[in-house]
Amino acid sequence: MSGVHYKFSSQLNYGTVIFEGPHISVCDLKKQIMKKEKLKAPNCELHISNADTKEEYRDDNAPIHRNFSVIVRRVPAGGIVATSRTHVLDLTKRVSRTSKANLSHDLRRQNSL
């Protein structure tokens, strides 16, 4: 019996998934890790990368050979949604003119005190 050593990127210690044969597919490894860690499939996805090369395994059918170490990242099921700073800046442009006028009036009044 052989195994693949895995750890989540936020953890210090490795766990091990035991399997028979020279390798395990990425898909089967994800299933075994989710079962062992009691993770629910609809809530998250696992991204697996080689611990030495940091290369992510994108193909679920790719073999991971025994005694390899991998890093696991748990991401939301829909994937990671990137937010841009420009979106936040766009919200500031929606201030009404009366609010801007009141703000500048308040600032002038405060400076005169």
N, C-alpha and C. Protein backbone atom coordinates (compact mmCIF):
# COMPACT_ATOMS: atom_id res chain seq x y z
N MET A 1 0.85 -1.18 0.00
CA MET A 1 0.00 0.00 0.00
C MET A 1 0.89 1.24 0.00
N SER A 2 0.46 2.22 -0.77
CA SER A 2 1.22 3.46 -0.85
C SER A 2 0.29 4.63 -0.65
N GLY A 3 0.85 5.81 -0.59
CA GLY A 3 0.00 6.96 -0.33
C GLY A 3 0.57 8.25 -0.89
N VAL A 4 -0.27 9.26 -0.88
CA VAL A 4 0.11 10.62 -1.25
C VAL A 4 -0.05 11.48 -0.01
N HIS A 5 0.94 12.28 0.27
CA HIS A 5 0.91 13.17 1.43
C HIS A 5 0.31 14.50 0.99
N TYR A 6 -0.61 15.02 1.78
CA TYR A 6 -1.26 16.28 1.42
C TYR A 6 -1.34 17.17 2.65
N LYS A 7 -1.39 18.45 2.39
CA LYS A 7 -1.67 19.41 3.46
C LYS A 7 -2.35 20.61 2.84
N PHE A 8 -3.22 21.22 3.62
CA PHE A 8 -3.84 22.46 3.19
C PHE A 8 -2.81 23.57 3.33
N SER A 9 -2.91 24.57 2.49
CA SER A 9 -1.89 25.62 2.48
C SER A 9 -1.78 26.34 3.82
N SER A 10 -2.84 26.32 4.61
CA SER A 10 -2.83 27.02 5.90
C SER A 10 -2.37 26.13 7.06
N GLN A 11 -2.09 24.86 6.79
CA GLN A 11 -1.72 23.94 7.86
C GLN A 11 -0.23 23.63 7.84
N LEU A 12 0.27 23.16 8.97
CA LEU A 12 1.68 22.80 9.07
C LEU A 12 1.93 21.32 8.82
N ASN A 13 0.99 20.48 9.23
CA ASN A 13 1.19 19.03 9.17
C ASN A 13 0.52 18.40 7.95
N TYR A 14 1.15 17.34 7.47
CA TYR A 14 0.63 16.60 6.33
C TYR A 14 -0.28 15.47 6.80
N GLY A 15 -1.29 15.19 5.99
CA GLY A 15 -2.11 14.00 6.13
C GLY A 15 -1.72 13.05 5.01
N THR A 16 -2.24 11.84 5.03
CA THR A 16 -1.91 10.87 3.99
C THR A 16 -3.16 10.18 3.49
N VAL A 17 -3.25 10.05 2.17
CA VAL A 17 -4.31 9.27 1.53
C VAL A 17 -3.65 7.98 1.07
N ILE A 18 -4.15 6.86 1.55
CA ILE A 18 -3.61 5.54 1.22
C ILE A 18 -4.38 4.97 0.03
N PHE A 19 -3.65 4.37 -0.91
CA PHE A 19 -4.29 3.74 -2.07
C PHE A 19 -3.40 2.60 -2.55
N GLU A 20 -3.97 1.76 -3.38
CA GLU A 20 -3.22 0.65 -3.97
C GLU A 20 -2.81 1.05 -5.38
N GLY A 21 -1.65 0.60 -5.80
CA GLY A 21 -1.18 0.89 -7.14
C GLY A 21 -0.09 1.95 -7.14
N PRO A 22 0.45 2.22 -8.33
CA PRO A 22 1.57 3.17 -8.43
C PRO A 22 1.15 4.64 -8.40
N HIS A 23 -0.13 4.92 -8.66
CA HIS A 23 -0.58 6.32 -8.69
C HIS A 23 -2.08 6.40 -8.41
N ILE A 24 -2.55 7.62 -8.21
CA ILE A 24 -3.97 7.90 -8.00
C ILE A 24 -4.32 9.10 -8.87
N SER A 25 -5.51 9.13 -9.41
CA SER A 25 -5.91 10.28 -10.23
C SER A 25 -6.22 11.47 -9.33
N VAL A 26 -6.11 12.66 -9.90
CA VAL A 26 -6.41 13.88 -9.15
C VAL A 26 -7.85 13.85 -8.65
N CYS A 27 -8.76 13.38 -9.49
CA CYS A 27 -10.18 13.30 -9.11
C CYS A 27 -10.38 12.39 -7.90
N ASP A 28 -9.76 11.21 -7.94
CA ASP A 28 -9.89 10.27 -6.81
C ASP A 28 -9.23 10.82 -5.55
N LEU A 29 -8.10 11.50 -5.72
CA LEU A 29 -7.43 12.10 -4.57
C LEU A 29 -8.31 13.16 -3.92
N LYS A 30 -8.95 13.99 -4.74
CA LYS A 30 -9.85 15.02 -4.21
C LYS A 30 -10.99 14.38 -3.42
N LYS A 31 -11.56 13.32 -3.98
CA LYS A 31 -12.66 12.63 -3.29
C LYS A 31 -12.20 12.07 -1.95
N GLN A 32 -11.02 11.46 -1.94
CA GLN A 32 -10.50 10.87 -0.70
C GLN A 32 -10.21 11.94 0.35
N ILE A 33 -9.65 13.06 -0.09
CA ILE A 33 -9.35 14.15 0.86
C ILE A 33 -10.65 14.72 1.41
N MET A 34 -11.64 14.93 0.54
CA MET A 34 -12.92 15.49 1.00
C MET A 34 -13.59 14.55 1.99
N LYS A 35 -13.49 13.26 1.74
CA LYS A 35 -14.06 12.28 2.66
C LYS A 35 -13.32 12.28 3.99
N LYS A 36 -12.01 12.28 3.92
CA LYS A 36 -11.19 12.23 5.14
C LYS A 36 -11.34 13.50 5.98
N GLU A 37 -11.46 14.65 5.32
CA GLU A 37 -11.57 15.93 6.02
C GLU A 37 -13.03 16.33 6.29
N LYS A 38 -13.97 15.48 5.85
CA LYS A 38 -15.41 15.71 6.05
C LYS A 38 -15.87 17.03 5.43
N LEU A 39 -15.46 17.26 4.19
CA LEU A 39 -15.87 18.45 3.45
C LEU A 39 -17.05 18.11 2.57
N LYS A 40 -17.96 19.03 2.40
CA LYS A 40 -19.14 18.82 1.56
C LYS A 40 -18.84 19.31 0.14
N ALA A 41 -19.14 18.48 -0.84
CA ALA A 41 -18.83 18.78 -2.24
C ALA A 41 -19.51 20.04 -2.76
N PRO A 42 -20.80 20.30 -2.46
CA PRO A 42 -21.42 21.51 -3.02
C PRO A 42 -20.84 22.81 -2.47
N ASN A 43 -20.22 22.76 -1.30
CA ASN A 43 -19.73 23.98 -0.66
C ASN A 43 -18.38 24.45 -1.18
N CYS A 44 -17.56 23.52 -1.66
CA CYS A 44 -16.20 23.92 -2.02
C CYS A 44 -15.62 23.01 -3.09
N GLU A 45 -14.55 23.50 -3.69
CA GLU A 45 -13.75 22.72 -4.63
C GLU A 45 -12.34 22.67 -4.07
N LEU A 46 -11.61 21.65 -4.44
CA LEU A 46 -10.22 21.54 -4.02
C LEU A 46 -9.30 21.77 -5.22
N HIS A 47 -8.30 22.60 -5.03
CA HIS A 47 -7.27 22.80 -6.04
C HIS A 47 -6.00 22.16 -5.48
N ILE A 48 -5.39 21.31 -6.29
CA ILE A 48 -4.25 20.53 -5.84
C ILE A 48 -3.02 20.93 -6.65
N SER A 49 -1.91 21.16 -5.95
CA SER A 49 -0.67 21.49 -6.65
C SER A 49 0.48 20.70 -6.04
N ASN A 50 1.51 20.49 -6.84
CA ASN A 50 2.69 19.76 -6.41
C ASN A 50 3.42 20.59 -5.35
N ALA A 51 3.77 19.99 -4.24
CA ALA A 51 4.40 20.73 -3.14
C ALA A 51 5.80 21.22 -3.51
N ASP A 52 6.49 20.51 -4.39
CA ASP A 52 7.85 20.90 -4.76
C ASP A 52 7.88 21.94 -5.86
N THR A 53 7.11 21.70 -6.93
CA THR A 53 7.17 22.59 -8.10
C THR A 53 6.11 23.68 -8.08
N LYS A 54 5.13 23.57 -7.20
CA LYS A 54 4.00 24.51 -7.08
C LYS A 54 3.09 24.49 -8.32
N GLU A 55 3.29 23.52 -9.21
CA GLU A 55 2.46 23.39 -10.41
C GLU A 55 1.10 22.81 -10.03
N GLU A 56 0.03 23.47 -10.49
CA GLU A 56 -1.31 23.01 -10.16
C GLU A 56 -1.74 21.91 -11.13
N TYR A 57 -2.36 20.88 -10.58
CA TYR A 57 -2.91 19.80 -11.40
C TYR A 57 -4.29 20.24 -11.87
N ARG A 58 -4.43 20.57 -13.15
CA ARG A 58 -5.70 21.06 -13.69
C ARG A 58 -6.55 19.94 -14.29
N ASP A 59 -5.91 18.86 -14.70
CA ASP A 59 -6.61 17.73 -15.31
C ASP A 59 -6.98 16.73 -14.22
N ASP A 60 -8.28 16.46 -14.07
CA ASP A 60 -8.73 15.53 -13.03
C ASP A 60 -8.27 14.10 -13.29
N ASN A 61 -7.87 13.78 -14.51
CA ASN A 61 -7.42 12.43 -14.83
C ASN A 61 -5.90 12.28 -14.69
N ALA A 62 -5.20 13.35 -14.38
CA ALA A 62 -3.74 13.29 -14.26
C ALA A 62 -3.36 12.39 -13.09
N PRO A 63 -2.32 11.56 -13.28
CA PRO A 63 -1.89 10.68 -12.19
C PRO A 63 -0.97 11.41 -11.21
N ILE A 64 -1.14 11.12 -9.94
CA ILE A 64 -0.21 11.58 -8.91
C ILE A 64 0.43 10.33 -8.34
N HIS A 65 1.73 10.25 -8.47
CA HIS A 65 2.45 9.04 -8.09
C HIS A 65 2.60 8.93 -6.58
N ARG A 66 2.74 7.70 -6.13
CA ARG A 66 2.85 7.43 -4.69
C ARG A 66 4.03 8.19 -4.09
N ASN A 67 3.89 8.49 -2.83
CA ASN A 67 4.88 9.20 -2.03
C ASN A 67 5.11 10.64 -2.46
N PHE A 68 4.26 11.18 -3.34
CA PHE A 68 4.34 12.59 -3.68
C PHE A 68 3.69 13.39 -2.57
N SER A 69 4.09 14.64 -2.45
CA SER A 69 3.45 15.57 -1.51
C SER A 69 2.75 16.65 -2.32
N VAL A 70 1.54 16.97 -1.90
CA VAL A 70 0.75 17.99 -2.60
C VAL A 70 0.22 19.01 -1.61
N ILE A 71 -0.07 20.19 -2.14
CA ILE A 71 -0.69 21.26 -1.36
C ILE A 71 -2.12 21.38 -1.84
N VAL A 72 -3.05 21.48 -0.91
CA VAL A 72 -4.48 21.56 -1.23
C VAL A 72 -4.99 22.93 -0.84
N ARG A 73 -5.74 23.55 -1.75
CA ARG A 73 -6.42 24.81 -1.44
C ARG A 73 -7.91 24.59 -1.61
N ARG A 74 -8.66 25.03 -0.64
CA ARG A 74 -10.12 24.92 -0.72
C ARG A 74 -10.65 26.27 -1.19
N VAL A 75 -11.46 26.24 -2.26
CA VAL A 75 -12.04 27.46 -2.81
C VAL A 75 -13.55 27.29 -2.88
N PRO A 76 -14.30 28.38 -2.89
CA PRO A 76 -15.76 28.27 -3.02
C PRO A 76 -16.13 27.53 -4.30
N ALA A 77 -17.26 26.85 -4.28
CA ALA A 77 -17.67 26.01 -5.41
C ALA A 77 -17.78 26.77 -6.71
N GLY A 78 -18.16 28.03 -6.67
CA GLY A 78 -18.27 28.83 -7.89
C GLY A 78 -16.94 29.35 -8.37
N GLY A 79 -15.89 29.13 -7.64
CA GLY A 79 -14.58 29.65 -7.98
C GLY A 79 -14.32 30.94 -7.23
N ILE A 80 -13.16 31.48 -7.45
CA ILE A 80 -12.78 32.73 -6.79
C ILE A 80 -13.17 33.88 -7.70
N VAL A 81 -13.92 34.81 -7.17
CA VAL A 81 -14.33 35.98 -7.93
C VAL A 81 -13.41 37.13 -7.56
N ALA A 82 -12.70 37.63 -8.55
CA ALA A 82 -11.78 38.73 -8.29
C ALA A 82 -12.55 40.04 -8.25
N THR A 83 -12.22 40.86 -7.30
CA THR A 83 -12.81 42.19 -7.25
C THR A 83 -11.73 43.18 -7.63
N SER A 84 -12.14 44.21 -8.34
CA SER A 84 -11.16 45.20 -8.74
C SER A 84 -11.39 46.49 -7.98
N ARG A 85 -10.33 47.21 -7.80
CA ARG A 85 -10.41 48.47 -7.07
C ARG A 85 -11.23 49.49 -7.86
N THR A 86 -11.27 49.39 -9.17
CA THR A 86 -12.02 50.34 -9.98
C THR A 86 -13.51 50.27 -9.66
N HIS A 87 -13.97 49.10 -9.28
CA HIS A 87 -15.38 48.97 -8.89
C HIS A 87 -15.68 49.84 -7.68
N VAL A 88 -14.79 49.85 -6.73
CA VAL A 88 -14.96 50.66 -5.54
C VAL A 88 -14.91 52.13 -5.91
N LEU A 89 -14.01 52.49 -6.82
CA LEU A 89 -13.91 53.88 -7.24
C LEU A 89 -15.16 54.33 -7.98
N ASP A 90 -15.75 53.44 -8.76
CA ASP A 90 -16.97 53.78 -9.48
C ASP A 90 -18.10 54.13 -8.53
N LEU A 91 -18.15 53.52 -7.37
CA LEU A 91 -19.20 53.81 -6.41
C LEU A 91 -19.11 55.23 -5.90
N THR A 92 -17.92 55.79 -5.83
CA THR A 92 -17.77 57.16 -5.34
C THR A 92 -18.29 58.17 -6.35
N LYS A 93 -18.36 57.80 -7.61
CA LYS A 93 -18.86 58.71 -8.64
C LYS A 93 -20.37 58.86 -8.59
N ARG A 94 -21.05 58.03 -7.86
CA ARG A 94 -22.51 58.06 -7.82
C ARG A 94 -23.06 59.01 -6.75
N VAL A 95 -22.22 59.81 -6.16
CA VAL A 95 -22.67 60.76 -5.14
C VAL A 95 -23.44 61.87 -5.84
N SER A 96 -24.59 62.20 -5.30
CA SER A 96 -25.43 63.22 -5.93
C SER A 96 -24.81 64.60 -5.76
N ARG A 97 -25.24 65.54 -6.59
CA ARG A 97 -24.70 66.90 -6.53
C ARG A 97 -25.03 67.58 -5.21
N THR A 98 -26.21 67.33 -4.69
CA THR A 98 -26.57 67.98 -3.43
C THR A 98 -25.68 67.48 -2.31
N SER A 99 -25.33 66.21 -2.34
CA SER A 99 -24.43 65.68 -1.31
C SER A 99 -23.05 66.30 -1.44
N LYS A 100 -22.57 66.45 -2.70
CA LYS A 100 -21.27 67.08 -2.91
C LYS A 100 -21.29 68.53 -2.44
N ALA A 101 -22.37 69.23 -2.75
CA ALA A 101 -22.48 70.63 -2.34
C ALA A 101 -22.50 70.75 -0.82
N ASN A 102 -23.26 69.89 -0.18
CA ASN A 102 -23.31 69.91 1.28
C ASN A 102 -21.95 69.59 1.88
N LEU A 103 -21.26 68.65 1.29
CA LEU A 103 -19.95 68.27 1.80
C LEU A 103 -18.96 69.41 1.66
N SER A 104 -18.92 70.05 0.48
CA SER A 104 -17.97 71.15 0.30
C SER A 104 -18.35 72.33 1.19
N HIS A 105 -19.65 72.59 1.38
CA HIS A 105 -20.09 73.66 2.28
C HIS A 105 -19.64 73.35 3.71
N ASP A 106 -19.80 72.10 4.14
CA ASP A 106 -19.38 71.71 5.49
C ASP A 106 -17.86 71.85 5.66
N LEU A 107 -17.11 71.49 4.62
CA LEU A 107 -15.66 71.61 4.70
C LEU A 107 -15.23 73.06 4.78
N ARG A 108 -15.86 73.94 3.97
CA ARG A 108 -15.52 75.36 4.02
C ARG A 108 -15.85 75.94 5.39
N ARG A 109 -16.98 75.54 5.92
CA ARG A 109 -17.40 76.05 7.23
C ARG A 109 -16.44 75.57 8.32
N GLN A 110 -16.01 74.32 8.22
CA GLN A 110 -15.11 73.77 9.22
C GLN A 110 -13.74 74.45 9.15
N ASN A 111 -13.28 74.76 7.94
CA ASN A 111 -11.98 75.42 7.77
C ASN A 111 -12.00 76.86 8.29
N SER A 112 -13.15 77.49 8.23
CA SER A 112 -13.23 78.88 8.68
C SER A 112 -13.27 78.98 10.20
N LEU A 113 -13.56 77.89 10.88
CA LEU A 113 -13.63 77.93 12.35
C LEU A 113 -12.30 77.94 12.98
